[in-house]
C-alpha atoms as a PDB file:
ATOM      1  CA  UNK A   1     113.066  88.357  97.296  1.00  0.00           C
ATOM      2  CA  UNK A   2     116.464  86.813  98.048  1.00  0.00           C
ATOM      3  CA  UNK A   3     118.450  87.083 101.261  1.00  0.00           C
ATOM      4  CA  UNK A   4     121.325  89.537 101.360  1.00  0.00           C
ATOM      5  CA  UNK A   5     124.890  88.177 101.396  1.00  0.00           C
ATOM      6  CA  UNK A   6     126.562  87.689 104.756  1.00  0.00           C
ATOM      7  CA  UNK A   7     128.615  90.434 106.364  1.00  0.00           C
ATOM      8  CA  UNK A   8     132.400  90.311 106.563  1.00  0.00           C
ATOM      9  CA  UNK A   9     132.860  88.556 109.866  1.00  0.00           C
ATOM     10  CA  UNK A  10     130.366  87.881 112.642  1.00  0.00           C
ATOM     11  CA  UNK A  11     127.948  90.354 114.146  1.00  0.00           C
ATOM     12  CA  UNK A  12     127.014  90.461 117.812  1.00  0.00           C
ATOM     13  CA  UNK A  13     123.308  89.813 118.242  1.00  0.00           C
ATOM     14  CA  UNK A  14     121.312  89.962 121.476  1.00  0.00           C
ATOM     15  CA  UNK A  15     117.763  88.785 122.127  1.00  0.00           C
ATOM     16  CA  UNK A  16     115.723  90.167 125.013  1.00  0.00           C
ATOM     17  CA  UNK A  17     113.412  87.460 126.373  1.00  0.00           C
ATOM     18  CA  UNK A  18     111.182  87.168 129.436  1.00  0.00           C
ATOM     19  CA  UNK A  19     113.591  84.752 131.108  1.00  0.00           C
ATOM     20  CA  UNK A  20     115.611  81.784 129.972  1.00  0.00           C
ATOM     21  CA  UNK A  21     113.666  79.254 132.030  1.00  0.00           C
ATOM     22  CA  UNK A  22     110.407  79.983 130.183  1.00  0.00           C
ATOM     23  CA  UNK A  23     111.752  79.782 126.615  1.00  0.00           C
ATOM     24  CA  UNK A  24     110.371  76.908 124.510  1.00  0.00           C
ATOM     25  CA  UNK A  25     111.630  75.009 121.491  1.00  0.00           C
ATOM     26  CA  UNK A  26     108.822  76.304 119.256  1.00  0.00           C
ATOM     27  CA  UNK A  27     109.562  79.978 119.903  1.00  0.00           C
ATOM     28  CA  UNK A  28     110.597  82.129 116.949  1.00  0.00           C
ATOM     29  CA  UNK A  29     113.315  83.658 119.141  1.00  0.00           C
ATOM     30  CA  UNK A  30     115.062  80.303 119.563  1.00  0.00           C
ATOM     31  CA  UNK A  31     114.870  79.659 115.816  1.00  0.00           C
ATOM     32  CA  UNK A  32     116.372  83.070 115.018  1.00  0.00           C
ATOM     33  CA  UNK A  33     119.095  82.594 117.632  1.00  0.00           C
ATOM     34  CA  UNK A  34     120.039  79.171 116.256  1.00  0.00           C
ATOM     35  CA  UNK A  35     120.097  80.483 112.696  1.00  0.00           C
ATOM     36  CA  UNK A  36     122.397  83.321 113.758  1.00  0.00           C
ATOM     37  CA  UNK A  37     124.776  80.964 115.574  1.00  0.00           C
ATOM     38  CA  UNK A  38     124.883  78.616 112.595  1.00  0.00           C
ATOM     39  CA  UNK A  39     125.757  81.589 110.335  1.00  0.00           C
ATOM     40  CA  UNK A  40     128.788  82.269 112.523  1.00  0.00           C
ATOM     41  CA  UNK A  41     127.470  85.135 114.644  1.00  0.00           C
ATOM     42  CA  UNK A  42     127.863  85.797 118.361  1.00  0.00           C
ATOM     43  CA  UNK A  43     124.550  85.455 120.193  1.00  0.00           C
ATOM     44  CA  UNK A  44     123.404  86.381 123.708  1.00  0.00           C
ATOM     45  CA  UNK A  45     119.975  85.947 125.316  1.00  0.00           C
ATOM     46  CA  UNK A  46     119.055  88.478 128.000  1.00  0.00           C
ATOM     47  CA  UNK A  47     116.157  88.182 130.442  1.00  0.00           C
ATOM     48  CA  UNK A  48     114.097  91.212 131.403  1.00  0.00           C
ATOM     49  CA  UNK A  49     115.572  91.104 134.902  1.00  0.00           C
ATOM     50  CA  UNK A  50     119.172  90.688 133.762  1.00  0.00           C
ATOM     51  CA  UNK A  51     120.121  94.253 132.748  1.00  0.00           C
ATOM     52  CA  UNK A  52     122.636  96.344 134.666  1.00  0.00           C
ATOM     53  CA  UNK A  53     123.341 100.053 134.509  1.00  0.00           C
ATOM     54  CA  UNK A  54     126.960  99.953 135.609  1.00  0.00           C
ATOM     55  CA  UNK A  55     128.540 102.501 137.922  1.00  0.00           C
ATOM     56  CA  UNK A  56     130.584 103.850 135.008  1.00  0.00           C
ATOM     57  CA  UNK A  57     127.437 104.453 132.935  1.00  0.00           C
ATOM     58  CA  UNK A  58     127.725 101.346 130.740  1.00  0.00           C
ATOM     59  CA  UNK A  59     124.646  99.227 129.999  1.00  0.00           C
ATOM     60  CA  UNK A  60     125.497  95.611 130.771  1.00  0.00           C
ATOM     61  CA  UNK A  61     123.617  92.374 131.309  1.00  0.00           C
ATOM     62  CA  UNK A  62     123.955  88.858 132.633  1.00  0.00           C
ATOM     63  CA  UNK A  63     123.348  86.861 129.458  1.00  0.00           C
ATOM     64  CA  UNK A  64     123.024  83.234 128.414  1.00  0.00           C
ATOM     65  CA  UNK A  65     125.515  82.581 125.606  1.00  0.00           C
ATOM     66  CA  UNK A  66     125.459  79.473 123.391  1.00  0.00           C
ATOM     67  CA  UNK A  67     128.553  77.348 123.878  1.00  0.00           C
ATOM     68  CA  UNK A  68     128.605  75.603 120.505  1.00  0.00           C
ATOM     69  CA  UNK A  69     129.201  77.009 117.019  1.00  0.00           C
ATOM     70  CA  UNK A  70     126.489  74.918 115.376  1.00  0.00           C
ATOM     71  CA  UNK A  71     123.237  73.307 116.489  1.00  0.00           C
ATOM     72  CA  UNK A  72     121.351  70.617 114.599  1.00  0.00           C
ATOM     73  CA  UNK A  73     117.942  71.811 115.775  1.00  0.00           C
ATOM     74  CA  UNK A  74     116.174  74.166 118.167  1.00  0.00           C
ATOM     75  CA  UNK A  75     115.990  71.494 120.878  1.00  0.00           C
ATOM     76  CA  UNK A  76     119.778  71.249 120.959  1.00  0.00           C
ATOM     77  CA  UNK A  77     120.216  74.999 121.390  1.00  0.00           C
ATOM     78  CA  UNK A  78     117.559  75.205 124.086  1.00  0.00           C
ATOM     79  CA  UNK A  79     119.044  72.251 125.972  1.00  0.00           C
ATOM     80  CA  UNK A  80     122.402  73.995 125.962  1.00  0.00           C
ATOM     81  CA  UNK A  81     121.011  77.325 127.166  1.00  0.00           C
ATOM     82  CA  UNK A  82     118.789  75.778 129.853  1.00  0.00           C
ATOM     83  CA  UNK A  83     121.284  73.143 130.973  1.00  0.00           C
ATOM     84  CA  UNK A  84     122.283  73.030 134.660  1.00  0.00           C
ATOM     85  CA  UNK A  85     125.904  73.799 133.834  1.00  0.00           C
ATOM     86  CA  UNK A  86     125.189  76.763 131.544  1.00  0.00           C
ATOM     87  CA  UNK A  87     126.874  79.841 132.953  1.00  0.00           C
ATOM     88  CA  UNK A  88     125.685  83.401 132.481  1.00  0.00           C
ATOM     89  CA  UNK A  89     128.172  85.900 131.101  1.00  0.00           C
ATOM     90  CA  UNK A  90     128.411  89.536 132.141  1.00  0.00           C
ATOM     91  CA  UNK A  91     128.375  91.348 128.793  1.00  0.00           C
ATOM     92  CA  UNK A  92     128.330  94.928 127.580  1.00  0.00           C
ATOM     93  CA  UNK A  93     125.019  95.496 125.809  1.00  0.00           C
ATOM     94  CA  UNK A  94     126.587  98.526 124.143  1.00  0.00           C
ATOM     95  CA  UNK A  95     129.017  96.229 122.298  1.00  0.00           C
ATOM     96  CA  UNK A  96     126.180  94.442 120.525  1.00  0.00           C
ATOM     97  CA  UNK A  97     125.449  95.261 116.908  1.00  0.00           C
ATOM     98  CA  UNK A  98     121.763  94.360 117.129  1.00  0.00           C
ATOM     99  CA  UNK A  99     119.395  93.921 120.055  1.00  0.00           C
ATOM    100  CA  UNK A 100     116.081  92.243 119.220  1.00  0.00           C
ATOM    101  CA  UNK A 101     113.273  92.804 121.719  1.00  0.00           C
ATOM    102  CA  UNK A 102     111.387  89.517 121.930  1.00  0.00           C
ATOM    103  CA  UNK A 103     109.778  89.494 125.382  1.00  0.00           C
ATOM    104  CA  UNK A 104     106.016  89.081 125.834  1.00  0.00           C
ATOM    105  CA  UNK A 105     104.618  91.725 128.218  1.00  0.00           C
ATOM    106  CA  UNK A 106     101.438  89.696 128.750  1.00  0.00           C
ATOM    107  CA  UNK A 107     103.483  87.033 130.553  1.00  0.00           C
ATOM    108  CA  UNK A 108     104.572  89.575 133.178  1.00  0.00           C
ATOM    109  CA  UNK A 109     101.249  91.200 134.091  1.00  0.00           C
ATOM    110  CA  UNK A 110     100.707  89.304 137.366  1.00  0.00           C
ATOM    111  CA  UNK A 111     104.100  88.472 138.857  1.00  0.00           C
ATOM    112  CA  UNK A 112     106.480  91.043 137.346  1.00  0.00           C
ATOM    113  CA  UNK A 113     104.548  94.087 136.117  1.00  0.00           C
ATOM    114  CA  UNK A 114     107.757  96.128 136.346  1.00  0.00           C
ATOM    115  CA  UNK A 115     109.642  93.939 133.891  1.00  0.00           C
ATOM    116  CA  UNK A 116     108.445  94.999 130.403  1.00  0.00           C
ATOM    117  CA  UNK A 117     108.945  98.730 130.918  1.00  0.00           C
ATOM    118  CA  UNK A 118     112.333  98.126 132.523  1.00  0.00           C
ATOM    119  CA  UNK A 119     113.486  96.160 129.490  1.00  0.00           C
ATOM    120  CA  UNK A 120     112.350  98.923 127.148  1.00  0.00           C
ATOM    121  CA  UNK A 121     114.143 101.600 129.159  1.00  0.00           C
ATOM    122  CA  UNK A 122     117.439  99.701 129.049  1.00  0.00           C
ATOM    123  CA  UNK A 123     116.903  99.118 125.323  1.00  0.00           C
ATOM    124  CA  UNK A 124     116.463 102.855 124.788  1.00  0.00           C
ATOM    125  CA  UNK A 125     119.809 103.455 126.516  1.00  0.00           C
ATOM    126  CA  UNK A 126     121.428 100.862 124.227  1.00  0.00           C
ATOM    127  CA  UNK A 127     119.994 102.606 121.147  1.00  0.00           C
ATOM    128  CA  UNK A 128     121.694 105.832 122.257  1.00  0.00           C
ATOM    129  CA  UNK A 129     124.998 103.947 121.945  1.00  0.00           C
ATOM    130  CA  UNK A 130     124.183 103.061 118.310  1.00  0.00           C
ATOM    131  CA  UNK A 131     123.082  99.505 118.979  1.00  0.00           C
ATOM    132  CA  UNK A 132     120.386  98.709 116.382  1.00  0.00           C
ATOM    133  CA  UNK A 133     117.366  97.947 118.579  1.00  0.00           C
ATOM    134  CA  UNK A 134     114.394  96.174 116.979  1.00  0.00           C
ATOM    135  CA  UNK A 135     111.591  96.874 117.234  1.00  0.00           C
ATOM    136  CA  UNK A 136     112.330 100.530 117.993  1.00  0.00           C
ATOM    137  CA  UNK A 137     112.130 100.756 121.820  1.00  0.00           C
ATOM    138  CA  UNK A 138     110.756 104.295 122.035  1.00  0.00           C
ATOM    139  CA  UNK A 139     107.766 103.554 119.838  1.00  0.00           C
ATOM    140  CA  UNK A 140     107.423 100.057 121.298  1.00  0.00           C
ATOM    141  CA  UNK A 141     106.796 101.740 124.646  1.00  0.00           C
ATOM    142  CA  UNK A 142     103.844 103.536 123.042  1.00  0.00           C
ATOM    143  CA  UNK A 143     102.643 100.194 121.658  1.00  0.00           C
ATOM    144  CA  UNK A 144     102.648  98.408 125.018  1.00  0.00           C
ATOM    145  CA  UNK A 145      98.939  97.627 124.865  1.00  0.00           C
ATOM    146  CA  UNK A 146      96.164  97.283 122.325  1.00  0.00           C
ATOM    147  CA  UNK A 147      95.299 101.005 122.252  1.00  0.00           C
ATOM    148  CA  UNK A 148      98.220 101.229 119.789  1.00  0.00           C
ATOM    149  CA  UNK A 149      95.973  99.572 117.237  1.00  0.00           C
ATOM    150  CA  UNK A 150      93.522 102.465 117.447  1.00  0.00           C
ATOM    151  CA  UNK A 151      96.135 104.782 115.908  1.00  0.00           C
ATOM    152  CA  UNK A 152      95.915 102.977 112.580  1.00  0.00           C
ATOM    153  CA  UNK A 153      93.387 104.080 109.923  1.00  0.00           C
ATOM    154  CA  UNK A 154      89.782 103.365 110.840  1.00  0.00           C
ATOM    155  CA  UNK A 155      89.336 101.514 107.567  1.00  0.00           C
ATOM    156  CA  UNK A 156      91.416  98.570 108.772  1.00  0.00           C
ATOM    157  CA  UNK A 157      89.815  98.207 112.215  1.00  0.00           C
ATOM    158  CA  UNK A 158      86.588  96.595 113.409  1.00  0.00           C
ATOM    159  CA  UNK A 159      84.258  98.895 115.376  1.00  0.00           C
ATOM    160  CA  UNK A 160      85.733  99.029 118.882  1.00  0.00           C
ATOM    161  CA  UNK A 161      84.903 100.287 122.377  1.00  0.00           C
ATOM    162  CA  UNK A 162      87.421 100.305 125.250  1.00  0.00           C
ATOM    163  CA  UNK A 163      85.932 100.582 128.730  1.00  0.00           C
ATOM    164  CA  UNK A 164      85.775  99.276 132.295  1.00  0.00           C
ATOM    165  CA  UNK A 165      82.039  99.906 132.513  1.00  0.00           C
ATOM    166  CA  UNK A 166      79.912  96.760 132.196  1.00  0.00           C
ATOM    167  CA  UNK A 167      76.880  98.736 131.065  1.00  0.00           C
ATOM    168  CA  UNK A 168      78.872 100.308 128.233  1.00  0.00           C
ATOM    169  CA  UNK A 169      79.899  96.846 127.094  1.00  0.00           C
ATOM    170  CA  UNK A 170      76.313  95.594 127.206  1.00  0.00           C
ATOM    171  CA  UNK A 171      75.112  98.620 125.259  1.00  0.00           C
ATOM    172  CA  UNK A 172      77.746  97.978 122.573  1.00  0.00           C
ATOM    173  CA  UNK A 173      76.692  94.325 122.298  1.00  0.00           C
ATOM    174  CA  UNK A 174      73.029  95.311 122.083  1.00  0.00           C
ATOM    175  CA  UNK A 175      73.773  97.850 119.342  1.00  0.00           C
ATOM    176  CA  UNK A 176      75.403  95.034 117.339  1.00  0.00           C
ATOM    177  CA  UNK A 177      72.399  92.700 117.544  1.00  0.00           C
ATOM    178  CA  UNK A 178      73.769  90.711 120.455  1.00  0.00           C
ATOM    179  CA  UNK A 179      77.122  89.875 118.860  1.00  0.00           C
ATOM    180  CA  UNK A 180      80.613  90.946 119.850  1.00  0.00           C
ATOM    181  CA  UNK A 181      84.064  89.947 121.068  1.00  0.00           C
ATOM    182  CA  UNK A 182      85.325  90.879 124.533  1.00  0.00           C
ATOM    183  CA  UNK A 183      89.021  90.684 125.419  1.00  0.00           C
ATOM    184  CA  UNK A 184      91.506  92.335 127.788  1.00  0.00           C
ATOM    185  CA  UNK A 185      93.310  95.506 126.776  1.00  0.00           C
ATOM    186  CA  UNK A 186      96.588  93.852 127.718  1.00  0.00           C
ATOM    187  CA  UNK A 187      97.227  90.221 126.951  1.00  0.00           C
ATOM    188  CA  UNK A 188      98.007  87.706 124.236  1.00  0.00           C
ATOM    189  CA  UNK A 189      97.630  84.103 123.266  1.00  0.00           C
ATOM    190  CA  UNK A 190      93.847  84.178 123.307  1.00  0.00           C
ATOM    191  CA  UNK A 191      93.640  84.519 127.101  1.00  0.00           C
ATOM    192  CA  UNK A 192      90.227  85.712 128.358  1.00  0.00           C
ATOM    193  CA  UNK A 193      88.828  86.202 124.852  1.00  0.00           C
ATOM    194  CA  UNK A 194      85.065  85.689 124.656  1.00  0.00           C
ATOM    195  CA  UNK A 195      82.731  85.618 121.676  1.00  0.00           C
ATOM    196  CA  UNK A 196      79.270  86.927 122.563  1.00  0.00           C
ATOM    197  CA  UNK A 197      76.159  85.778 120.688  1.00  0.00           C
ATOM    198  CA  UNK A 198      72.439  86.387 121.286  1.00  0.00           C
ATOM    199  CA  UNK A 199      72.434  83.055 123.143  1.00  0.00           C
ATOM    200  CA  UNK A 200      75.070  84.131 125.663  1.00  0.00           C
ATOM    201  CA  UNK A 201      72.384  85.329 128.075  1.00  0.00           C
ATOM    202  CA  UNK A 202      73.449  85.347 131.716  1.00  0.00           C
ATOM    203  CA  UNK A 203      76.979  84.275 130.739  1.00  0.00           C
ATOM    204  CA  UNK A 204      77.596  87.797 129.458  1.00  0.00           C
ATOM    205  CA  UNK A 205      78.026  89.119 133.010  1.00  0.00           C
ATOM    206  CA  UNK A 206      80.580  86.403 133.754  1.00  0.00           C
ATOM    207  CA  UNK A 207      82.467  87.171 130.561  1.00  0.00           C
ATOM    208  CA  UNK A 208      82.639  90.865 131.407  1.00  0.00           C
ATOM    209  CA  UNK A 209      83.780  90.165 134.965  1.00  0.00           C
ATOM    210  CA  UNK A 210      86.476  87.733 133.777  1.00  0.00           C
ATOM    211  CA  UNK A 211      87.975  90.368 131.471  1.00  0.00           C
ATOM    212  CA  UNK A 212      87.588  93.548 133.543  1.00  0.00           C
ATOM    213  CA  UNK A 213      88.946  92.130 136.791  1.00  0.00           C
ATOM    214  CA  UNK A 214      92.445  92.737 135.408  1.00  0.00           C
ATOM    215  CA  UNK A 215      91.744  96.138 133.825  1.00  0.00           C
ATOM    216  CA  UNK A 216      90.170  97.692 130.765  1.00  0.00           C
ATOM    217  CA  UNK A 217      88.290  95.575 128.256  1.00  0.00           C
ATOM    218  CA  UNK A 218      88.121  95.860 124.496  1.00  0.00           C
ATOM    219  CA  UNK A 219      84.763  95.053 122.955  1.00  0.00           C
ATOM    220  CA  UNK A 220      84.669  94.738 119.177  1.00  0.00           C
ATOM    221  CA  UNK A 221      82.127  93.984 116.522  1.00  0.00           C
ATOM    222  CA  UNK A 222      81.953  90.297 115.666  1.00  0.00           C
ATOM    223  CA  UNK A 223      83.234  89.420 112.210  1.00  0.00           C
ATOM    224  CA  UNK A 224      81.401  86.311 110.934  1.00  0.00           C
ATOM    225  CA  UNK A 225      84.434  85.187 108.928  1.00  0.00           C
ATOM    226  CA  UNK A 226      86.295  84.727 112.235  1.00  0.00           C
ATOM    227  CA  UNK A 227      84.488  81.386 112.534  1.00  0.00           C
ATOM    228  CA  UNK A 228      86.846  80.126 109.828  1.00  0.00           C
ATOM    229  CA  UNK A 229      89.925  81.358 111.705  1.00  0.00           C
ATOM    230  CA  UNK A 230      92.253  84.227 110.897  1.00  0.00           C
ATOM    231  CA  UNK A 231      95.314  84.989 108.819  1.00  0.00           C
ATOM    232  CA  UNK A 232      98.649  85.798 110.437  1.00  0.00           C
ATOM    233  CA  UNK A 233     100.764  87.758 107.947  1.00  0.00           C
ATOM    234  CA  UNK A 234     104.286  88.596 109.075  1.00  0.00           C
ATOM    235  CA  UNK A 235     105.865  91.836 107.927  1.00  0.00           C
ATOM    236  CA  UNK A 236     109.536  92.791 107.766  1.00  0.00           C
ATOM    237  CA  UNK A 237     110.634  96.390 107.254  1.00  0.00           C
ATOM    238  CA  UNK A 238     106.936  97.262 107.025  1.00  0.00           C
ATOM    239  CA  UNK A 239     106.231  94.957 104.065  1.00  0.00           C
ATOM    240  CA  UNK A 240     104.889  91.394 103.880  1.00  0.00           C
ATOM    241  CA  UNK A 241     107.732  88.955 104.507  1.00  0.00           C
ATOM    242  CA  UNK A 242     108.189  87.016 101.276  1.00  0.00           C
ATOM    243  CA  UNK A 243     111.164  84.786 100.432  1.00  0.00           C
ATOM    244  CA  UNK A 244     111.544  83.100  97.049  1.00  0.00           C
ATOM    245  CA  UNK A 245     107.890  83.794  96.285  1.00  0.00           C
ATOM    246  CA  UNK A 246     106.668  82.249  99.555  1.00  0.00           C
ATOM    247  CA  UNK A 247     104.849  84.538 101.991  1.00  0.00           C
ATOM    248  CA  UNK A 248     105.241  84.091 105.742  1.00  0.00           C
ATOM    249  CA  UNK A 249     101.479  83.838 106.015  1.00  0.00           C
ATOM    250  CA  UNK A 250      99.348  81.152 107.600  1.00  0.00           C
ATOM    251  CA  UNK A 251      95.757  80.538 108.505  1.00  0.00           C
ATOM    252  CA  UNK A 252      95.032  79.805 112.139  1.00  0.00           C
ATOM    253  CA  UNK A 253      91.837  77.989 112.973  1.00  0.00           C
ATOM    254  CA  UNK A 254      90.242  75.911 115.698  1.00  0.00           C
ATOM    255  CA  UNK A 255      87.986  73.001 114.806  1.00  0.00           C
ATOM    256  CA  UNK A 256      87.289  72.062 118.422  1.00  0.00           C
ATOM    257  CA  UNK A 257      84.501  74.579 118.925  1.00  0.00           C
ATOM    258  CA  UNK A 258      86.793  77.039 120.732  1.00  0.00           C
ATOM    259  CA  UNK A 259      86.418  80.507 119.202  1.00  0.00           C
ATOM    260  CA  UNK A 260      90.111  81.259 119.651  1.00  0.00           C
ATOM    261  CA  UNK A 261      92.459  80.429 116.796  1.00  0.00           C
ATOM    262  CA  UNK A 262      95.706  81.301 118.623  1.00  0.00           C
ATOM    263  CA  UNK A 263      98.174  78.431 118.515  1.00  0.00           C
ATOM    264  CA  UNK A 264      98.699  78.758 122.282  1.00  0.00           C
ATOM    265  CA  UNK A 265      94.941  78.340 122.742  1.00  0.00           C
ATOM    266  CA  UNK A 266      94.845  75.039 120.869  1.00  0.00           C
ATOM    267  CA  UNK A 267      94.463  76.417 117.379  1.00  0.00           C
ATOM    268  CA  UNK A 268      95.847  74.736 114.266  1.00  0.00           C
ATOM    269  CA  UNK A 269      97.807  76.222 111.418  1.00  0.00           C
ATOM    270  CA  UNK A 270      98.189  75.822 107.678  1.00  0.00           C
ATOM    271  CA  UNK A 271     100.124  77.915 105.193  1.00  0.00           C
ATOM    272  CA  UNK A 272      98.126  80.408 103.157  1.00  0.00           C
ATOM    273  CA  UNK A 273      98.587  82.879 100.344  1.00  0.00           C
ATOM    274  CA  UNK A 274      97.492  86.380 101.389  1.00  0.00           C
ATOM    275  CA  UNK A 275      94.484  87.439  99.352  1.00  0.00           C
ATOM    276  CA  UNK A 276      93.782  90.867  97.908  1.00  0.00           C
ATOM    277  CA  UNK A 277      92.162  92.059 101.155  1.00  0.00           C
ATOM    278  CA  UNK A 278      95.153  90.981 103.261  1.00  0.00           C
ATOM    279  CA  UNK A 279      97.696  92.651 100.976  1.00  0.00           C
ATOM    280  CA  UNK A 280      95.590  95.825 100.867  1.00  0.00           C
ATOM    281  CA  UNK A 281      95.480  95.949 104.673  1.00  0.00           C
ATOM    282  CA  UNK A 282      99.244  95.399 104.838  1.00  0.00           C
ATOM    283  CA  UNK A 283      99.723  98.295 102.426  1.00  0.00           C
ATOM    284  CA  UNK A 284      97.538 100.593 104.542  1.00  0.00           C
ATOM    285  CA  UNK A 285      99.309  99.884 107.845  1.00  0.00           C
ATOM    286  CA  UNK A 286     102.829  99.943 106.355  1.00  0.00           C
ATOM    287  CA  UNK A 287     103.452 103.724 106.675  1.00  0.00           C
ATOM    288  CA  UNK A 288     102.840 103.743 110.426  1.00  0.00           C
ATOM    289  CA  UNK A 289     104.822 100.555 110.993  1.00  0.00           C
ATOM    290  CA  UNK A 290     107.710 102.175 109.126  1.00  0.00           C
ATOM    291  CA  UNK A 291     107.422 105.498 110.899  1.00  0.00           C
ATOM    292  CA  UNK A 292     107.446 103.717 114.270  1.00  0.00           C
ATOM    293  CA  UNK A 293     110.345 101.386 113.478  1.00  0.00           C
ATOM    294  CA  UNK A 294     108.250  98.222 113.834  1.00  0.00           C
ATOM    295  CA  UNK A 295     110.754  96.034 112.001  1.00  0.00           C
ATOM    296  CA  UNK A 296     109.044  92.668 112.569  1.00  0.00           C
ATOM    297  CA  UNK A 297     105.278  92.573 113.096  1.00  0.00           C
ATOM    298  CA  UNK A 298     102.393  90.143 112.867  1.00  0.00           C
ATOM    299  CA  UNK A 299      99.116  91.232 111.285  1.00  0.00           C
ATOM    300  CA  UNK A 300      96.067  89.243 112.408  1.00  0.00           C
ATOM    301  CA  UNK A 301      93.451  89.510 109.668  1.00  0.00           C
ATOM    302  CA  UNK A 302      89.827  88.400 109.366  1.00  0.00           C
ATOM    303  CA  UNK A 303      88.279  89.101 105.968  1.00  0.00           C
ATOM    304  CA  UNK A 304      88.850  92.765 105.157  1.00  0.00           C
ATOM    305  CA  UNK A 305      89.601  93.831 108.735  1.00  0.00           C
ATOM    306  CA  UNK A 306      92.587  93.555 111.009  1.00  0.00           C
ATOM    307  CA  UNK A 307      91.909  92.231 114.505  1.00  0.00           C
ATOM    308  CA  UNK A 308      95.314  92.997 116.021  1.00  0.00           C
ATOM    309  CA  UNK A 309      98.888  93.954 115.218  1.00  0.00           C
ATOM    310  CA  UNK A 310     101.512  92.086 117.239  1.00  0.00           C
ATOM    311  CA  UNK A 311     104.664  94.173 117.555  1.00  0.00           C
ATOM    312  CA  UNK A 312     106.100  92.570 120.715  1.00  0.00           C
ATOM    313  CA  UNK A 313     106.679  88.901 119.908  1.00  0.00           C
ATOM    314  CA  UNK A 314     105.327  88.097 116.449  1.00  0.00           C
ATOM    315  CA  UNK A 315     105.868  84.388 116.008  1.00  0.00           C
ATOM    316  CA  UNK A 316     105.304  81.515 113.656  1.00  0.00           C
ATOM    317  CA  UNK A 317     108.611  81.584 111.757  1.00  0.00           C
ATOM    318  CA  UNK A 318     109.464  78.063 112.848  1.00  0.00           C
ATOM    319  CA  UNK A 319     106.070  76.705 111.791  1.00  0.00           C
ATOM    320  CA  UNK A 320     106.267  78.508 108.449  1.00  0.00           C
ATOM    321  CA  UNK A 321     109.711  77.040 107.795  1.00  0.00           C
ATOM    322  CA  UNK A 322     108.659  73.532 108.707  1.00  0.00           C
ATOM    323  CA  UNK A 323     105.535  73.715 106.529  1.00  0.00           C
ATOM    324  CA  UNK A 324     107.267  75.182 103.475  1.00  0.00           C
ATOM    325  CA  UNK A 325     111.001  74.489 103.759  1.00  0.00           C
ATOM    326  CA  UNK A 326     111.594  78.210 103.165  1.00  0.00           C
ATOM    327  CA  UNK A 327     114.463  79.793 105.111  1.00  0.00           C
ATOM    328  CA  UNK A 328     112.620  82.765 106.597  1.00  0.00           C
ATOM    329  CA  UNK A 329     114.910  82.956 109.633  1.00  0.00           C
ATOM    330  CA  UNK A 330     118.006  83.002 107.418  1.00  0.00           C
ATOM    331  CA  UNK A 331     116.480  85.848 105.432  1.00  0.00           C
ATOM    332  CA  UNK A 332     115.854  87.837 108.634  1.00  0.00           C
ATOM    333  CA  UNK A 333     119.377  87.302 109.964  1.00  0.00           C
ATOM    334  CA  UNK A 334     120.830  88.266 106.569  1.00  0.00           C
ATOM    335  CA  UNK A 335     118.730  91.424 106.685  1.00  0.00           C
ATOM    336  CA  UNK A 336     120.191  92.256 110.097  1.00  0.00           C
ATOM    337  CA  UNK A 337     123.669  91.791 108.650  1.00  0.00           C
ATOM    338  CA  UNK A 338     122.741  94.279 105.946  1.00  0.00           C
ATOM    339  CA  UNK A 339     121.575  96.825 108.520  1.00  0.00           C
ATOM    340  CA  UNK A 340     124.866  96.544 110.403  1.00  0.00           C
ATOM    341  CA  UNK A 341     126.739  97.227 107.156  1.00  0.00           C
ATOM    342  CA  UNK A 342     124.581 100.297 106.512  1.00  0.00           C
ATOM    343  CA  UNK A 343     125.198 101.596 110.012  1.00  0.00           C
ATOM    344  CA  UNK A 344     128.952 101.420 109.494  1.00  0.00           C
ATOM    345  CA  UNK A 345     128.854 102.786 105.943  1.00  0.00           C
ATOM    346  CA  UNK A 346     127.052 105.877 107.270  1.00  0.00           C
ATOM    347  CA  UNK A 347     129.427 106.204 110.240  1.00  0.00           C
ATOM    348  CA  UNK A 348     126.625 105.567 112.729  1.00  0.00           C
ATOM    349  CA  UNK A 349     124.801 108.763 111.756  1.00  0.00           C
ATOM    350  CA  UNK A 350     121.508 107.038 110.886  1.00  0.00           C
ATOM    351  CA  UNK A 351     118.853 107.014 113.616  1.00  0.00           C
ATOM    352  CA  UNK A 352     117.618 103.784 115.139  1.00  0.00           C
ATOM    353  CA  UNK A 353     114.199 104.190 113.526  1.00  0.00           C
ATOM    354  CA  UNK A 354     115.777 104.774 110.113  1.00  0.00           C
ATOM    355  CA  UNK A 355     117.940 101.672 110.429  1.00  0.00           C
ATOM    356  CA  UNK A 356     114.977  99.651 111.694  1.00  0.00           C
ATOM    357  CA  UNK A 357     113.088 100.082 108.434  1.00  0.00           C
ATOM    358  CA  UNK A 358     115.831 100.323 105.770  1.00  0.00           C
END
């Protein structure tokens, strides 16, 4: 699958992030932003607290704008954007061609619980002005926590209970022969994820307390194959992202004894080819991803089940590129160029959800 040709002239591309100070050089957002700049496009990064609804009804923002036209690597772009002399620009969000929503709501739970919903609401206003917003902000609001996963076919999901009641959790674990996984309803990066075994004993109460102190817990059946890690398969336009025969798919594992395979939890990564089970799961979840405008998503797969679907900040593009030399980010930016062409060819009559998945 080859990247589409570039558009005639630059597009204006915005990225919504948590805040500029917390961005890192291994974030997919920074890689996409650098790729866009190097392709000649105008780029702006907008923090969740940087939006403005102007007195004249225009959606604006204070944005960090790269000052150079080319960057040798992600470190150079990040240094520019986070430099002490980098000025924020007051921009019109409505003038953007594409707005990519790349903030992680889990990072805001404690200090800024208002931030994620605020960003989505401003993004919805931008979509009304025919900015292509990805992932679709209306459906992304519905997907703000892991209950979204329960709307996918039962065939793809492990047996799951969602509750605040410790006795319900214990009963679920008992019904599954003492095995299970407990994690928070809202969160990411492997935070507060516990694997329960028959040997957990008194630690089970501590696990439950650690998860439920911040809200509802998800308890799922334990999948033995999880001991070998999981597969992260990225999808674009609802289909597995594949460029020049190379899938954006990698195996995440942890050989330190930690049950979590998330990279942020110390996990390791190696490229992988999705097997028949993984491709079948991707095929099953594709219709809902398409219907909801989930343009870029990350499927976390163990064996023949899907553990989670990340629709907020699916990452790993930079690692996949460095491991394979495949230009996944260039393919994504070229695809955005194509969507902007389609929007103009249809005189802005296509809906945001339609454009998100075409």
